[in-house]
C-alpha atoms as a PDB file:
ATOM      1  CA  GLN A   1     -16.235 -42.501  21.926  1.00  0.00           C
ATOM      2  CA  VAL A   2     -14.513 -45.708  23.027  1.00  0.00           C
ATOM      3  CA  GLN A   3     -15.725 -47.889  25.861  1.00  0.00           C
ATOM      4  CA  LEU A   4     -13.637 -50.623  27.438  1.00  0.00           C
ATOM      5  CA  VAL A   5     -15.155 -53.376  29.557  1.00  0.00           C
ATOM      6  CA  GLU A   6     -12.966 -55.793  31.504  1.00  0.00           C
ATOM      7  CA  SER A   7     -14.048 -59.230  32.652  1.00  0.00           C
ATOM      8  CA  GLY A   8     -12.534 -62.432  33.960  1.00  0.00           C
ATOM      9  CA  GLY A   9     -11.346 -61.379  37.380  1.00  0.00           C
ATOM     10  CA  GLY A  10     -11.977 -63.419  40.494  1.00  0.00           C
ATOM     11  CA  LEU A  11     -10.512 -65.298  43.425  1.00  0.00           C
ATOM     12  CA  VAL A  12      -7.830 -67.891  42.752  1.00  0.00           C
ATOM     13  CA  GLN A  13      -5.284 -69.774  44.827  1.00  0.00           C
ATOM     14  CA  ALA A  14      -1.594 -69.094  44.449  1.00  0.00           C
ATOM     15  CA  GLY A  15      -0.217 -70.965  41.462  1.00  0.00           C
ATOM     16  CA  GLY A  16      -3.523 -70.766  39.640  1.00  0.00           C
ATOM     17  CA  SER A  17      -4.514 -69.011  36.436  1.00  0.00           C
ATOM     18  CA  LEU A  18      -6.985 -66.423  35.231  1.00  0.00           C
ATOM     19  CA  ARG A  19      -7.698 -64.909  31.846  1.00  0.00           C
ATOM     20  CA  LEU A  20      -8.793 -61.300  31.699  1.00  0.00           C
ATOM     21  CA  SER A  21     -10.647 -59.895  28.711  1.00  0.00           C
ATOM     22  CA  CYS A  22     -11.075 -56.299  27.595  1.00  0.00           C
ATOM     23  CA  ALA A  23     -13.859 -55.711  25.085  1.00  0.00           C
ATOM     24  CA  ALA A  24     -13.677 -52.429  23.194  1.00  0.00           C
ATOM     25  CA  SER A  25     -16.448 -50.579  21.450  1.00  0.00           C
ATOM     26  CA  GLY A  26     -15.920 -48.259  18.529  1.00  0.00           C
ATOM     27  CA  ARG A  27     -13.952 -48.566  15.346  1.00  0.00           C
ATOM     28  CA  ALA A  28     -10.224 -48.590  14.677  1.00  0.00           C
ATOM     29  CA  PHE A  29      -9.392 -50.926  17.578  1.00  0.00           C
ATOM     30  CA  SER A  30      -6.728 -52.612  15.444  1.00  0.00           C
ATOM     31  CA  ASN A  31      -4.791 -49.364  15.005  1.00  0.00           C
ATOM     32  CA  TYR A  32      -4.015 -48.749  18.670  1.00  0.00           C
ATOM     33  CA  ALA A  33      -1.881 -50.401  21.294  1.00  0.00           C
ATOM     34  CA  MET A  34      -3.734 -51.822  24.283  1.00  0.00           C
ATOM     35  CA  GLY A  35      -2.333 -51.977  27.773  1.00  0.00           C
ATOM     36  CA  TRP A  36      -3.069 -53.556  31.139  1.00  0.00           C
ATOM     37  CA  PHE A  37      -2.374 -51.809  34.419  1.00  0.00           C
ATOM     38  CA  ARG A  38      -3.096 -52.804  38.011  1.00  0.00           C
ATOM     39  CA  GLN A  39      -3.585 -51.127  41.349  1.00  0.00           C
ATOM     40  CA  ALA A  40      -3.090 -52.936  44.627  1.00  0.00           C
ATOM     41  CA  PRO A  41      -4.610 -51.624  47.881  1.00  0.00           C
ATOM     42  CA  GLY A  42      -2.660 -48.668  49.167  1.00  0.00           C
ATOM     43  CA  LYS A  43      -0.409 -48.519  46.110  1.00  0.00           C
ATOM     44  CA  GLU A  44      -0.242 -46.498  42.935  1.00  0.00           C
ATOM     45  CA  ARG A  45      -1.452 -47.922  39.673  1.00  0.00           C
ATOM     46  CA  GLU A  46       1.324 -49.681  37.787  1.00  0.00           C
ATOM     47  CA  TYR A  47       1.953 -50.871  34.282  1.00  0.00           C
ATOM     48  CA  VAL A  48       1.656 -54.597  33.610  1.00  0.00           C
ATOM     49  CA  ALA A  49       1.803 -55.270  29.868  1.00  0.00           C
ATOM     50  CA  ALA A  50       0.925 -53.919  26.442  1.00  0.00           C
ATOM     51  CA  VAL A  51       0.354 -55.205  22.916  1.00  0.00           C
ATOM     52  CA  GLY A  52       0.979 -52.925  19.966  1.00  0.00           C
ATOM     53  CA  TRP A  53      -1.032 -52.605  16.788  1.00  0.00           C
ATOM     54  CA  THR A  54       1.606 -54.797  15.107  1.00  0.00           C
ATOM     55  CA  TYR A  55       1.167 -57.407  17.862  1.00  0.00           C
ATOM     56  CA  ASN A  56       4.493 -56.595  19.505  1.00  0.00           C
ATOM     57  CA  THR A  57       4.354 -57.091  23.250  1.00  0.00           C
ATOM     58  CA  ASP A  58       5.970 -55.668  26.358  1.00  0.00           C
ATOM     59  CA  TYR A  59       5.849 -56.730  30.014  1.00  0.00           C
ATOM     60  CA  THR A  60       6.935 -55.376  33.322  1.00  0.00           C
ATOM     61  CA  ASP A  61       9.655 -57.540  34.839  1.00  0.00           C
ATOM     62  CA  SER A  62       7.548 -58.954  37.669  1.00  0.00           C
ATOM     63  CA  VAL A  63       5.148 -60.722  35.273  1.00  0.00           C
ATOM     64  CA  LYS A  64       7.518 -61.830  32.505  1.00  0.00           C
ATOM     65  CA  GLY A  65       7.236 -65.543  31.879  1.00  0.00           C
ATOM     66  CA  ARG A  66       3.930 -65.752  33.770  1.00  0.00           C
ATOM     67  CA  PHE A  67       1.569 -63.381  31.943  1.00  0.00           C
ATOM     68  CA  THR A  68       0.769 -63.255  28.242  1.00  0.00           C
ATOM     69  CA  ILE A  69      -0.976 -60.345  26.552  1.00  0.00           C
ATOM     70  CA  SER A  70      -2.731 -60.801  23.227  1.00  0.00           C
ATOM     71  CA  ARG A  71      -5.381 -59.249  21.030  1.00  0.00           C
ATOM     72  CA  ASP A  72      -8.088 -60.409  18.651  1.00  0.00           C
ATOM     73  CA  ASN A  73      -8.908 -57.560  16.297  1.00  0.00           C
ATOM     74  CA  ALA A  74     -11.852 -59.403  14.780  1.00  0.00           C
ATOM     75  CA  LYS A  75     -13.468 -59.375  18.232  1.00  0.00           C
ATOM     76  CA  ASN A  76     -12.171 -55.948  19.324  1.00  0.00           C
ATOM     77  CA  THR A  77     -10.811 -57.655  22.414  1.00  0.00           C
ATOM     78  CA  ALA A  78      -7.532 -57.703  24.298  1.00  0.00           C
ATOM     79  CA  TYR A  79      -6.586 -60.464  26.722  1.00  0.00           C
ATOM     80  CA  LEU A  80      -4.270 -61.003  29.638  1.00  0.00           C
ATOM     81  CA  GLN A  81      -3.542 -64.635  30.413  1.00  0.00           C
ATOM     82  CA  MET A  82      -2.153 -64.853  33.935  1.00  0.00           C
ATOM     83  CA  ASN A  83      -0.445 -68.068  35.057  1.00  0.00           C
ATOM     84  CA  SER A  84       1.461 -68.998  38.211  1.00  0.00           C
ATOM     85  CA  LEU A  85      -0.347 -66.296  40.101  1.00  0.00           C
ATOM     86  CA  LYS A  86       1.110 -64.997  43.344  1.00  0.00           C
ATOM     87  CA  PRO A  87      -0.536 -63.191  46.262  1.00  0.00           C
ATOM     88  CA  GLU A  88       1.338 -60.043  45.231  1.00  0.00           C
ATOM     89  CA  ASP A  89      -0.595 -60.070  41.943  1.00  0.00           C
ATOM     90  CA  THR A  90      -3.723 -59.174  43.903  1.00  0.00           C
ATOM     91  CA  ALA A  91      -5.059 -55.901  42.514  1.00  0.00           C
ATOM     92  CA  VAL A  92      -7.724 -54.242  40.437  1.00  0.00           C
ATOM     93  CA  TYR A  93      -6.721 -54.733  36.816  1.00  0.00           C
ATOM     94  CA  TYR A  94      -7.501 -52.072  34.232  1.00  0.00           C
ATOM     95  CA  CYS A  95      -7.250 -52.177  30.478  1.00  0.00           C
ATOM     96  CA  ALA A  96      -6.574 -49.035  28.519  1.00  0.00           C
ATOM     97  CA  ARG A  97      -6.193 -47.851  24.948  1.00  0.00           C
ATOM     98  CA  HIS A  98      -3.017 -46.036  23.952  1.00  0.00           C
ATOM     99  CA  SER A  99      -3.662 -42.612  22.465  1.00  0.00           C
ATOM    100  CA  SER A 100      -1.202 -42.863  19.543  1.00  0.00           C
ATOM    101  CA  TYR A 101      -2.553 -44.058  16.194  1.00  0.00           C
ATOM    102  CA  ARG A 102      -0.325 -46.821  14.808  1.00  0.00           C
ATOM    103  CA  ARG A 103       2.453 -46.070  17.268  1.00  0.00           C
ATOM    104  CA  SER A 104       5.814 -47.133  15.851  1.00  0.00           C
ATOM    105  CA  SER A 105       7.591 -47.271  19.197  1.00  0.00           C
ATOM    106  CA  SER A 106       7.383 -50.377  21.350  1.00  0.00           C
ATOM    107  CA  TYR A 107       7.447 -48.373  24.596  1.00  0.00           C
ATOM    108  CA  PHE A 108       3.977 -48.260  26.121  1.00  0.00           C
ATOM    109  CA  ARG A 109       4.613 -47.811  29.824  1.00  0.00           C
ATOM    110  CA  TYR A 110       3.518 -44.237  30.442  1.00  0.00           C
ATOM    111  CA  GLU A 111       0.061 -44.189  31.986  1.00  0.00           C
ATOM    112  CA  SER A 112      -0.508 -40.650  30.739  1.00  0.00           C
ATOM    113  CA  ASP A 113      -0.245 -41.896  27.132  1.00  0.00           C
ATOM    114  CA  TYR A 114      -3.507 -43.839  27.463  1.00  0.00           C
ATOM    115  CA  ASP A 115      -6.757 -42.029  26.734  1.00  0.00           C
ATOM    116  CA  TYR A 116      -9.504 -44.572  27.403  1.00  0.00           C
ATOM    117  CA  TRP A 117      -9.804 -46.800  30.465  1.00  0.00           C
ATOM    118  CA  GLY A 118     -12.046 -49.590  31.616  1.00  0.00           C
ATOM    119  CA  GLN A 119     -13.716 -49.741  34.998  1.00  0.00           C
ATOM    120  CA  GLY A 120     -11.395 -52.438  36.307  1.00  0.00           C
ATOM    121  CA  THR A 121     -11.770 -56.032  37.412  1.00  0.00           C
ATOM    122  CA  GLN A 122     -10.670 -57.419  40.776  1.00  0.00           C
ATOM    123  CA  VAL A 123      -8.099 -60.197  40.927  1.00  0.00           C
ATOM    124  CA  THR A 124      -7.474 -61.770  44.317  1.00  0.00           C
ATOM    125  CA  VAL A 125      -4.817 -64.437  44.818  1.00  0.00           C
ATOM    126  CA  SER A 126      -4.929 -66.317  48.096  1.00  0.00           C
ATOM    127  CA  SER A 127      -1.879 -67.936  49.646  1.00  0.00           C
END
């Protein structure tokens, strides 16, 4: 069983920064891609970014150049550094573990491909 716990959310002014963390329990963390998704009020959950087991990364267009995803396998933790935040980034942010062991593809955007999810952390960006 894998448990994911997000932290680091909060209230920040537009242009500010936050760093989200996702701590994973269980073994084999290093062998799976980790992703971040978000859900704004009244909207469907959407993909934000992912980091593969080989440290390759992928971002949705709206956060490219502003967000950076990373992982520290020694700490079983994934991170999402968010800079130049905008009010439209306001959402509950979820981390998730991809279901494929050592996935060779760099495409991680399908929500249905993730099998473990955290409880979410609120990010609010004021204008």
